[in-house]
Every structure is written in structure tokens, then in C-alpha cells.
């Protein structure tokens, strides 16, 4: 239903670091069991909030629907866990970026699993397409991500080579 009739985003200023950690907490046991190394690089906002009286930078925020932001991260992290496999590596990086005259939050989620085939890259966001064996997935995870991001006016893309696969989202 998220693809057919997506709910309108209920945007608000959200602490991105808190949302990311909330999603990662859901996968802690799975990460430990599979001995997967997870690296985080969460950028502070451009104006770091430093002052002589405040030694901590302000948390990174973005104007997003917090629930939908987490749904995207859950789907991307779930795919990264499957791709990385036992003893693999996953990374998540955020940064602020200006693109086409607009400020964006860029979130990259990468893994060191096998390179996507040209067919998998071409159809990654198509409904019902799954790179997994028949019967092992519905093929809606990345489609859901695409739909949520376009509803936010954002973008999602994938790059893959023999060293890593990166899913980049712009919010």
C-alpha cells in the first residue's frame, strides 16, 4: 500500500542521529550474530552550534517524516545485512550537501557484499523485482524506499563495484 497509495509525509525537524540509532538498535542482535562490523559517520550540521559556553555540537537535523525516514533506513539496512554476509562490513554516512541550489541531507549506506549485476542495478527499484532466490523476498523493499524519497522530493540511487555497493539517498 505504501507504493500504491503512499501517505503524505508528515515533515518535522527531526534529530537524524537519534533516528539512525533507533533503527540500528533494532538490528543489534543480527549484527552481532553475523559478526558484521558497522561504522557510522554522522555529520554535524554546517553551523556546528559551538560556543564558548556549549562544548557539544548541535545534533544533525533534517525536515523529514521521522517514521518514513526510519522505514527507508530499515529497508536499506536489511538489504545491506543480507549482502554483507557473515563477517562483512556495513557503513552509514550522513553529510550536508548543496545540489541544484538546494540544501540536502545525504545518507549513504554501503556494504562490502558482492557487486550487483547490471540487471540488478537497472531494476533495483522496480516493484516485484528481487535479486534473491525465488520465494525469498517480495521485491518491495527498495521500491518502498524510492516511493518515500520521491514523496519527500528526494532521490535514491545505487552504485556497485567489486569492493562495495552504495545506496545514496537525498532528503
Protein backbone atom coordinates (compact mmCIF):
# COMPACT_ATOMS: atom_id res chain seq x y z
CA UNK A 1 0.00 0.00 0.00
CA UNK A 2 2.96 2.37 0.58
CA UNK A 3 3.70 2.14 -3.14
CA UNK A 4 0.11 2.30 -4.43
CA UNK A 5 -1.19 4.97 -2.04
CA UNK A 6 1.69 6.44 -0.09
CA UNK A 7 0.80 8.55 2.91
CA UNK A 8 1.80 12.19 2.60
CA UNK A 9 4.97 12.86 4.58
CA UNK A 10 4.35 14.47 7.96
CA UNK A 11 7.54 16.51 7.94
CA UNK A 12 9.08 17.98 11.02
CA UNK A 13 12.52 18.92 12.23
CA UNK A 14 13.97 15.58 13.33
CA UNK A 15 17.20 14.61 15.08
CA UNK A 16 18.77 12.38 12.44
CA UNK A 17 21.29 10.83 14.82
CA UNK A 18 18.52 9.69 17.17
CA UNK A 19 16.52 8.19 14.29
CA UNK A 20 19.58 6.35 12.95
CA UNK A 21 20.48 4.90 16.34
CA UNK A 22 16.87 3.81 16.86
CA UNK A 23 16.99 1.81 13.61
CA UNK A 24 20.40 0.32 14.33
CA UNK A 25 19.22 -0.80 17.78
CA UNK A 26 16.61 -3.00 16.04
CA UNK A 27 19.40 -4.86 14.23
CA UNK A 28 21.98 -5.14 17.03
CA UNK A 29 21.45 -8.85 17.70
CA UNK A 30 21.58 -9.70 14.00
CA UNK A 31 24.76 -7.65 13.53
CA UNK A 32 26.44 -9.39 16.45
CA UNK A 33 25.31 -12.88 15.42
CA UNK A 34 26.64 -12.37 11.87
CA UNK A 35 29.84 -10.71 13.14
CA UNK A 36 29.17 -7.73 10.89
CA UNK A 37 31.16 -4.58 11.52
CA UNK A 38 29.06 -1.40 11.36
CA UNK A 39 30.70 2.01 11.01
CA UNK A 40 28.82 5.26 11.48
CA UNK A 41 29.85 8.71 10.33
CA UNK A 42 27.07 11.13 11.21
CA UNK A 43 27.97 14.68 10.22
CA UNK A 44 27.20 17.63 12.42
CA UNK A 45 25.25 20.43 10.76
CA UNK A 46 27.16 23.12 8.87
CA UNK A 47 26.74 25.57 11.76
CA UNK A 48 28.12 23.29 14.43
CA UNK A 49 26.50 25.10 17.33
CA UNK A 50 29.84 25.55 19.12
CA UNK A 51 30.11 28.41 21.53
CA UNK A 52 32.37 29.08 24.49
CA UNK A 53 29.50 28.00 26.76
CA UNK A 54 28.49 24.95 24.73
CA UNK A 55 31.22 22.40 24.03
CA UNK A 56 28.91 19.93 22.21
CA UNK A 57 27.85 20.48 18.63
CA UNK A 58 24.13 20.62 17.97
CA UNK A 59 22.66 17.34 16.67
CA UNK A 60 22.16 16.90 12.92
CA UNK A 61 18.58 17.62 11.97
CA UNK A 62 16.53 17.42 8.79
CA UNK A 63 12.98 18.31 7.83
CA UNK A 64 11.61 14.80 7.22
CA UNK A 65 8.82 12.47 8.25
CA UNK A 66 10.64 10.61 11.06
CA UNK A 67 8.67 7.38 10.61
CA UNK A 68 9.21 7.30 6.86
CA UNK A 69 12.91 8.15 7.29
CA UNK A 70 13.24 5.13 9.57
CA UNK A 71 11.35 2.86 7.13
CA UNK A 72 13.89 3.74 4.42
CA UNK A 73 16.82 3.04 6.74
CA UNK A 74 15.31 -0.26 7.89
CA UNK A 75 14.91 -1.49 4.30
CA UNK A 76 18.40 -0.36 3.27
CA UNK A 77 19.99 -1.85 6.37
CA UNK A 78 18.11 -5.12 5.93
CA UNK A 79 19.43 -5.39 2.35
CA UNK A 80 22.96 -4.47 3.46
CA UNK A 81 22.93 -7.19 6.13
CA UNK A 82 21.94 -9.84 3.59
CA UNK A 83 24.50 -8.64 1.07
CA UNK A 84 27.42 -8.24 3.51
CA UNK A 85 27.06 -11.74 4.91
CA UNK A 86 28.89 -13.23 7.87
CA UNK A 87 31.92 -11.17 8.87
CA UNK A 88 31.04 -8.40 6.42
CA UNK A 89 31.19 -4.64 6.74
CA UNK A 90 28.43 -2.05 6.58
CA UNK A 91 28.82 1.70 6.76
CA UNK A 92 26.38 4.54 7.16
CA UNK A 93 27.41 8.12 6.47
CA UNK A 94 25.45 11.36 6.56
CA UNK A 95 26.52 14.74 5.31
CA UNK A 96 25.01 18.05 4.38
CA UNK A 97 25.23 18.89 0.71
CA UNK A 98 24.09 21.53 -1.74
CA UNK A 99 22.77 20.16 -5.02
CA UNK A 100 20.82 22.03 -7.68
CA UNK A 101 20.75 25.12 -5.47
CA UNK A 102 19.12 23.33 -2.54
CA UNK A 103 20.37 22.07 0.82
CA UNK A 104 20.07 18.30 1.17
CA UNK A 105 20.78 15.66 3.78
CA UNK A 106 22.73 12.91 2.04
CA UNK A 107 22.64 9.45 3.64
CA UNK A 108 24.85 6.71 2.20
CA UNK A 109 24.51 3.11 3.29
CA UNK A 110 27.15 0.77 1.93
CA UNK A 111 28.22 -2.84 2.28
CA UNK A 112 31.13 -4.96 1.07
CA UNK A 113 28.93 -7.71 -0.35
CA UNK A 114 29.03 -8.93 -3.93
CA UNK A 115 28.74 -6.46 -6.79
CA UNK A 116 25.24 -6.00 -8.19
CA UNK A 117 24.76 -7.31 -11.70
CA UNK A 118 23.77 -4.84 -14.43
CA UNK A 119 20.22 -6.27 -14.34
CA UNK A 120 20.02 -5.84 -10.54
CA UNK A 121 21.22 -2.23 -10.80
CA UNK A 122 18.77 -1.43 -13.59
CA UNK A 123 15.73 -2.92 -11.83
CA UNK A 124 16.65 -2.40 -8.15
CA UNK A 125 13.73 -0.02 -7.54
CA UNK A 126 11.15 -1.83 -9.70
CA UNK A 127 8.13 -3.34 -7.91
CA UNK A 128 8.30 -7.13 -7.52
CA UNK A 129 11.96 -7.28 -8.60
CA UNK A 130 14.17 -9.20 -6.19
CA UNK A 131 17.81 -10.13 -6.60
CA UNK A 132 17.25 -13.01 -4.19
CA UNK A 133 16.17 -16.55 -4.96
CA UNK A 134 12.51 -17.03 -5.90
CA UNK A 135 10.23 -17.08 -2.88
CA UNK A 136 12.77 -15.36 -0.61
CA UNK A 137 11.54 -11.78 -0.97
CA UNK A 138 8.60 -9.78 -2.27
CA UNK A 139 10.68 -7.23 -4.14
CA UNK A 140 9.12 -4.19 -2.45
CA UNK A 141 11.81 -3.02 -0.02
CA UNK A 142 13.72 -0.76 -2.39
CA UNK A 143 10.53 0.20 -4.22
CA UNK A 144 9.15 1.43 -0.89
CA UNK A 145 12.34 3.44 -0.33
CA UNK A 146 12.06 5.03 -3.77
CA UNK A 147 8.41 5.94 -3.20
CA UNK A 148 9.07 7.51 0.22
CA UNK A 149 12.02 9.52 -1.06
CA UNK A 150 10.16 10.83 -4.10
CA UNK A 151 7.30 11.79 -1.76
CA UNK A 152 9.84 13.91 0.13
CA UNK A 153 11.09 15.45 -3.12
CA UNK A 154 14.29 13.46 -2.66
CA UNK A 155 16.29 10.90 -4.59
CA UNK A 156 17.75 7.42 -4.21
CA UNK A 157 20.39 5.76 -6.33
CA UNK A 158 22.80 2.84 -6.27
CA UNK A 159 26.43 2.37 -7.28
CA UNK A 160 28.10 -1.00 -7.15
CA UNK A 161 31.55 -2.37 -7.89
CA UNK A 162 33.67 -5.29 -6.72
CA UNK A 163 34.59 -3.52 -3.48
CA UNK A 164 31.23 -2.21 -2.29
CA UNK A 165 27.65 -1.30 -3.06
CA UNK A 166 26.37 2.12 -2.01
CA UNK A 167 22.77 3.25 -1.75
CA UNK A 168 22.67 7.05 -1.65
CA UNK A 169 19.60 8.91 -0.52
CA UNK A 170 18.99 12.66 -0.68
CA UNK A 171 16.40 14.07 1.71
